[in-house]
Amino acid sequence: MTVFEFGGRLLVVDCGMLLGKTNSPGVDVTLPDWSHYRDRLGD
C-alpha cells in the first residue's frame, strides 16, 4: 500500500496482499497501519 498526497487530497494505491516471507515463521499476512490517516480518510 502506498499513499500519495497532493493538494490536500489522499490517493491510496493498493496492489493486493503481501504474504509473509519464508524466513518469518508464524507470519501469514502483513496488514497496513492506517492509524496515521485515520482522521483523514475522507480526504
PDB file of N, CA and C in Angstrom:
ATOM      1  N   MET A   1       0.844  -1.172   0.000  1.00  0.00           N
ATOM      2  CA  MET A   1       0.000   0.000   0.000  1.00  0.00           C
ATOM      3  C   MET A   1       0.891   1.237   0.000  1.00  0.00           C
ATOM      4  N   THR A   2       0.532   2.175  -0.834  1.00  0.00           N
ATOM      5  CA  THR A   2       1.234   3.447  -0.887  1.00  0.00           C
ATOM      6  C   THR A   2       0.197   4.557  -0.854  1.00  0.00           C
ATOM      7  N   VAL A   3       0.449   5.611  -0.081  1.00  0.00           N
ATOM      8  CA  VAL A   3      -0.455   6.753  -0.008  1.00  0.00           C
ATOM      9  C   VAL A   3       0.281   7.968  -0.545  1.00  0.00           C
ATOM     10  N   PHE A   4      -0.296   8.581  -1.573  1.00  0.00           N
ATOM     11  CA  PHE A   4       0.228   9.821  -2.136  1.00  0.00           C
ATOM     12  C   PHE A   4      -0.664  10.964  -1.672  1.00  0.00           C
ATOM     13  N   GLU A   5      -0.061  12.114  -1.396  1.00  0.00           N
ATOM     14  CA  GLU A   5      -0.836  13.296  -1.012  1.00  0.00           C
ATOM     15  C   GLU A   5      -0.456  14.443  -1.924  1.00  0.00           C
ATOM     16  N   PHE A   6      -1.461  15.079  -2.507  1.00  0.00           N
ATOM     17  CA  PHE A   6      -1.232  16.275  -3.302  1.00  0.00           C
ATOM     18  C   PHE A   6      -2.476  17.142  -3.243  1.00  0.00           C
ATOM     19  N   GLY A   7      -2.283  18.429  -3.084  1.00  0.00           N
ATOM     20  CA  GLY A   7      -3.403  19.358  -2.995  1.00  0.00           C
ATOM     21  C   GLY A   7      -4.324  19.073  -1.820  1.00  0.00           C
ATOM     22  N   GLY A   8      -3.801  18.506  -0.721  1.00  0.00           N
ATOM     23  CA  GLY A   8      -4.634  18.213   0.436  1.00  0.00           C
ATOM     24  C   GLY A   8      -5.491  16.965   0.288  1.00  0.00           C
ATOM     25  N   ARG A   9      -5.366  16.257  -0.834  1.00  0.00           N
ATOM     26  CA  ARG A   9      -6.143  15.037  -1.077  1.00  0.00           C
ATOM     27  C   ARG A   9      -5.231  13.825  -0.979  1.00  0.00           C
ATOM     28  N   LEU A  10      -5.795  12.691  -0.617  1.00  0.00           N
ATOM     29  CA  LEU A  10      -5.040  11.449  -0.493  1.00  0.00           C
ATOM     30  C   LEU A  10      -5.422  10.493  -1.611  1.00  0.00           C
ATOM     31  N   LEU A  11      -4.430   9.824  -2.166  1.00  0.00           N
ATOM     32  CA  LEU A  11      -4.656   8.775  -3.153  1.00  0.00           C
ATOM     33  C   LEU A  11      -3.990   7.516  -2.621  1.00  0.00           C
ATOM     34  N   VAL A  12      -4.785   6.464  -2.400  1.00  0.00           N
ATOM     35  CA  VAL A  12      -4.276   5.203  -1.876  1.00  0.00           C
ATOM     36  C   VAL A  12      -4.171   4.213  -3.030  1.00  0.00           C
ATOM     37  N   VAL A  13      -2.984   3.625  -3.204  1.00  0.00           N
ATOM     38  CA  VAL A  13      -2.757   2.617  -4.231  1.00  0.00           C
ATOM     39  C   VAL A  13      -2.414   1.315  -3.510  1.00  0.00           C
ATOM     40  N   ASP A  14      -3.237   0.311  -3.708  1.00  0.00           N
ATOM     41  CA  ASP A  14      -3.018  -0.993  -3.074  1.00  0.00           C
ATOM     42  C   ASP A  14      -3.070  -2.057  -4.155  1.00  0.00           C
ATOM     43  N   CYS A  15      -1.982  -2.764  -4.338  1.00  0.00           N
ATOM     44  CA  CYS A  15      -1.882  -3.754  -5.414  1.00  0.00           C
ATOM     45  C   CYS A  15      -2.106  -5.187  -4.934  1.00  0.00           C
ATOM     46  N   GLY A  16      -2.709  -5.353  -3.794  1.00  0.00           N
ATOM     47  CA  GLY A  16      -3.013  -6.697  -3.321  1.00  0.00           C
ATOM     48  C   GLY A  16      -2.356  -7.004  -1.987  1.00  0.00           C
ATOM     49  N   MET A  17      -2.399  -8.275  -1.608  1.00  0.00           N
ATOM     50  CA  MET A  17      -1.852  -8.705  -0.326  1.00  0.00           C
ATOM     51  C   MET A  17      -0.424  -9.172  -0.473  1.00  0.00           C
ATOM     52  N   LEU A  18       0.366  -8.925   0.560  1.00  0.00           N
ATOM     53  CA  LEU A  18       1.735  -9.405   0.633  1.00  0.00           C
ATOM     54  C   LEU A  18       1.774 -10.494   1.691  1.00  0.00           C
ATOM     55  N   LEU A  19       2.187 -11.678   1.288  1.00  0.00           N
ATOM     56  CA  LEU A  19       2.281 -12.770   2.249  1.00  0.00           C
ATOM     57  C   LEU A  19       3.614 -12.694   2.957  1.00  0.00           C
ATOM     58  N   GLY A  20       3.677 -13.248   4.150  1.00  0.00           N
ATOM     59  CA  GLY A  20       4.897 -13.240   4.928  1.00  0.00           C
ATOM     60  C   GLY A  20       6.043 -13.937   4.199  1.00  0.00           C
ATOM     61  N   LYS A  21       7.257 -13.563   4.526  1.00  0.00           N
ATOM     62  CA  LYS A  21       8.432 -14.188   3.927  1.00  0.00           C
ATOM     63  C   LYS A  21       8.639 -15.565   4.538  1.00  0.00           C
ATOM     64  N   THR A  22       9.310 -16.415   3.823  1.00  0.00           N
ATOM     65  CA  THR A  22       9.514 -17.775   4.308  1.00  0.00           C
ATOM     66  C   THR A  22      10.402 -17.808   5.547  1.00  0.00           C
ATOM     67  N   ASN A  23      11.198 -16.755   5.773  1.00  0.00           N
ATOM     68  CA  ASN A  23      12.062 -16.740   6.950  1.00  0.00           C
ATOM     69  C   ASN A  23      11.394 -16.081   8.156  1.00  0.00           C
ATOM     70  N   SER A  24      10.082 -15.852   8.099  1.00  0.00           N
ATOM     71  CA  SER A  24       9.330 -15.275   9.219  1.00  0.00           C
ATOM     72  C   SER A  24       8.299 -16.291   9.693  1.00  0.00           C
ATOM     73  N   PRO A  25       8.689 -17.252  10.522  1.00  0.00           N
ATOM     74  CA  PRO A  25       7.733 -18.279  10.947  1.00  0.00           C
ATOM     75  C   PRO A  25       6.562 -17.676  11.713  1.00  0.00           C
ATOM     76  N   GLY A  26       5.364 -18.147  11.372  1.00  0.00           N
ATOM     77  CA  GLY A  26       4.158 -17.699  12.052  1.00  0.00           C
ATOM     78  C   GLY A  26       3.529 -16.457  11.441  1.00  0.00           C
ATOM     79  N   VAL A  27       4.161 -15.844  10.423  1.00  0.00           N
ATOM     80  CA  VAL A  27       3.611 -14.657   9.770  1.00  0.00           C
ATOM     81  C   VAL A  27       2.924 -15.094   8.487  1.00  0.00           C
ATOM     82  N   ASP A  28       1.592 -14.944   8.435  1.00  0.00           N
ATOM     83  CA  ASP A  28       0.832 -15.339   7.259  1.00  0.00           C
ATOM     84  C   ASP A  28       0.451 -14.146   6.398  1.00  0.00           C
ATOM     85  N   VAL A  29       0.169 -13.000   7.027  1.00  0.00           N
ATOM     86  CA  VAL A  29      -0.296 -11.818   6.307  1.00  0.00           C
ATOM     87  C   VAL A  29       0.314 -10.572   6.930  1.00  0.00           C
ATOM     88  N   THR A  30       0.688  -9.608   6.107  1.00  0.00           N
ATOM     89  CA  THR A  30       1.159  -8.320   6.592  1.00  0.00           C
ATOM     90  C   THR A  30       0.081  -7.293   6.283  1.00  0.00           C
ATOM     91  N   LEU A  31      -0.443  -6.612   7.302  1.00  0.00           N
ATOM     92  CA  LEU A  31      -1.522  -5.642   7.125  1.00  0.00           C
ATOM     93  C   LEU A  31      -0.984  -4.220   7.272  1.00  0.00           C
ATOM     94  N   PRO A  32      -1.496  -3.278   6.462  1.00  0.00           N
ATOM     95  CA  PRO A  32      -1.039  -1.893   6.570  1.00  0.00           C
ATOM     96  C   PRO A  32      -1.531  -1.227   7.852  1.00  0.00           C
ATOM     97  N   ASP A  33      -0.791  -0.247   8.314  1.00  0.00           N
ATOM     98  CA  ASP A  33      -1.161   0.520   9.505  1.00  0.00           C
ATOM     99  C   ASP A  33      -1.797   1.833   9.054  1.00  0.00           C
ATOM    100  N   TRP A  34      -3.110   1.948   9.205  1.00  0.00           N
ATOM    101  CA  TRP A  34      -3.862   3.129   8.769  1.00  0.00           C
ATOM    102  C   TRP A  34      -3.943   4.199   9.855  1.00  0.00           C
ATOM    103  N   SER A  35      -3.368   3.986  11.025  1.00  0.00           N
ATOM    104  CA  SER A  35      -3.584   4.891  12.155  1.00  0.00           C
ATOM    105  C   SER A  35      -3.158   6.330  11.855  1.00  0.00           C
ATOM    106  N   HIS A  36      -2.138   6.518  11.038  1.00  0.00           N
ATOM    107  CA  HIS A  36      -1.688   7.875  10.711  1.00  0.00           C
ATOM    108  C   HIS A  36      -2.730   8.635   9.889  1.00  0.00           C
ATOM    109  N   TYR A  37      -3.548   7.909   9.121  1.00  0.00           N
ATOM    110  CA  TYR A  37      -4.530   8.527   8.225  1.00  0.00           C
ATOM    111  C   TYR A  37      -5.958   8.430   8.738  1.00  0.00           C
ATOM    112  N   ARG A  38      -6.142   7.907   9.952  1.00  0.00           N
ATOM    113  CA  ARG A  38      -7.475   7.648  10.491  1.00  0.00           C
ATOM    114  C   ARG A  38      -8.390   8.874  10.415  1.00  0.00           C
ATOM    115  N   ASP A  39      -7.880  10.050  10.777  1.00  0.00           N
ATOM    116  CA  ASP A  39      -8.704  11.261  10.782  1.00  0.00           C
ATOM    117  C   ASP A  39      -8.826  11.880   9.400  1.00  0.00           C
ATOM    118  N   ARG A  40      -8.132  11.356   8.403  1.00  0.00           N
ATOM    119  CA  ARG A  40      -8.128  11.960   7.075  1.00  0.00           C
ATOM    120  C   ARG A  40      -8.702  11.058   5.993  1.00  0.00           C
ATOM    121  N   LEU A  41      -9.361   9.984   6.345  1.00  0.00           N
ATOM    122  CA  LEU A  41      -9.858   9.044   5.344  1.00  0.00           C
ATOM    123  C   LEU A  41     -10.894   9.664   4.407  1.00  0.00           C
ATOM    124  N   GLY A  42     -11.550  10.733   4.822  1.00  0.00           N
ATOM    125  CA  GLY A  42     -12.492  11.438   3.950  1.00  0.00           C
ATOM    126  C   GLY A  42     -11.817  12.259   2.874  1.00  0.00           C
ATOM    127  N   ASP A  43     -10.505  12.489   3.026  1.00  0.00           N
ATOM    128  CA  ASP A  43      -9.768  13.277   2.037  1.00  0.00           C
ATOM    129  C   ASP A  43      -9.448  12.451   0.814  1.00  0.00           C
TER     130      ASP A  43
END
